[in-house]
């Protein structure tokens, strides 16, 4: 039985179970969403980080005289 069925009767057990069920769905969905967004951000930031490391290495090489 699902909440959208006409035979569904809301009682304390249904409220508790469905509340926990939607809480778990929210936590899992939020975690997956965070991982997906972080993956895209990290993927797009790779060229910028490589450029910063490359220019940073040249700065130190000139300061040390190598």
Protein backbone atom coordinates (compact mmCIF):
# COMPACT_ATOMS: atom_id res chain seq x y z
CA UNK A 1 0.00 0.00 0.00
CA UNK A 2 1.20 3.46 -0.89
CA UNK A 3 0.11 6.87 0.49
CA UNK A 4 -1.49 7.77 -2.84
CA UNK A 5 -3.82 4.73 -2.72
CA UNK A 6 -7.35 5.29 -1.45
CA UNK A 7 -7.08 2.45 1.09
CA UNK A 8 -4.19 4.15 2.88
CA UNK A 9 -4.94 5.11 6.48
CA UNK A 10 -2.51 7.44 8.17
CA UNK A 11 -1.72 6.31 11.70
CA UNK A 12 1.31 6.63 13.99
CA UNK A 13 3.13 3.67 12.43
CA UNK A 14 2.71 5.01 8.91
CA UNK A 15 3.84 8.50 9.92
CA UNK A 16 6.91 7.07 11.67
CA UNK A 17 7.87 4.69 8.86
CA UNK A 18 7.28 7.16 6.03
CA UNK A 19 9.07 9.91 7.96
CA UNK A 20 12.14 7.73 8.39
CA UNK A 21 11.91 6.54 4.80
CA UNK A 22 11.86 10.08 3.40
CA UNK A 23 14.61 11.13 5.82
CA UNK A 24 16.85 8.34 4.50
CA UNK A 25 16.00 9.26 0.90
CA UNK A 26 16.87 12.90 1.64
CA UNK A 27 20.22 12.01 3.24
CA UNK A 28 21.21 9.63 0.43
CA UNK A 29 20.06 12.07 -2.27
CA UNK A 30 21.90 14.97 -0.64
CA UNK A 31 25.08 12.92 -0.33
CA UNK A 32 24.92 11.83 -3.96
CA UNK A 33 24.18 15.38 -5.08
CA UNK A 34 27.15 16.68 -3.10
CA UNK A 35 29.45 14.06 -4.66
CA UNK A 36 28.24 14.82 -8.17
CA UNK A 37 28.68 18.58 -7.75
CA UNK A 38 32.11 18.12 -6.13
CA UNK A 39 33.17 15.84 -9.00
CA UNK A 40 32.21 18.45 -11.58
CA UNK A 41 33.93 21.23 -9.64
CA UNK A 42 37.11 19.17 -9.17
CA UNK A 43 37.09 18.17 -12.85
CA UNK A 44 36.76 21.77 -13.99
CA UNK A 45 39.40 23.02 -11.54
CA UNK A 46 42.19 20.68 -12.73
CA UNK A 47 43.46 22.99 -15.52
CA UNK A 48 43.47 25.97 -13.17
CA UNK A 49 45.40 24.08 -10.46
CA UNK A 50 47.96 22.79 -12.99
CA UNK A 51 48.45 26.33 -14.27
CA UNK A 52 48.91 27.67 -10.73
CA UNK A 53 51.41 24.91 -9.86
CA UNK A 54 53.30 25.49 -13.09
CA UNK A 55 53.60 29.24 -12.55
CA UNK A 56 54.39 28.67 -8.87
CA UNK A 57 57.30 26.36 -9.77
CA UNK A 58 58.78 28.97 -12.09
CA UNK A 59 58.57 31.56 -9.34
CA UNK A 60 60.59 29.43 -6.94
CA UNK A 61 63.08 28.33 -9.59
CA UNK A 62 63.94 31.94 -10.35
CA UNK A 63 64.30 32.79 -6.67
CA UNK A 64 66.71 29.91 -6.02
CA UNK A 65 68.74 30.53 -9.12
CA UNK A 66 68.24 27.07 -10.65
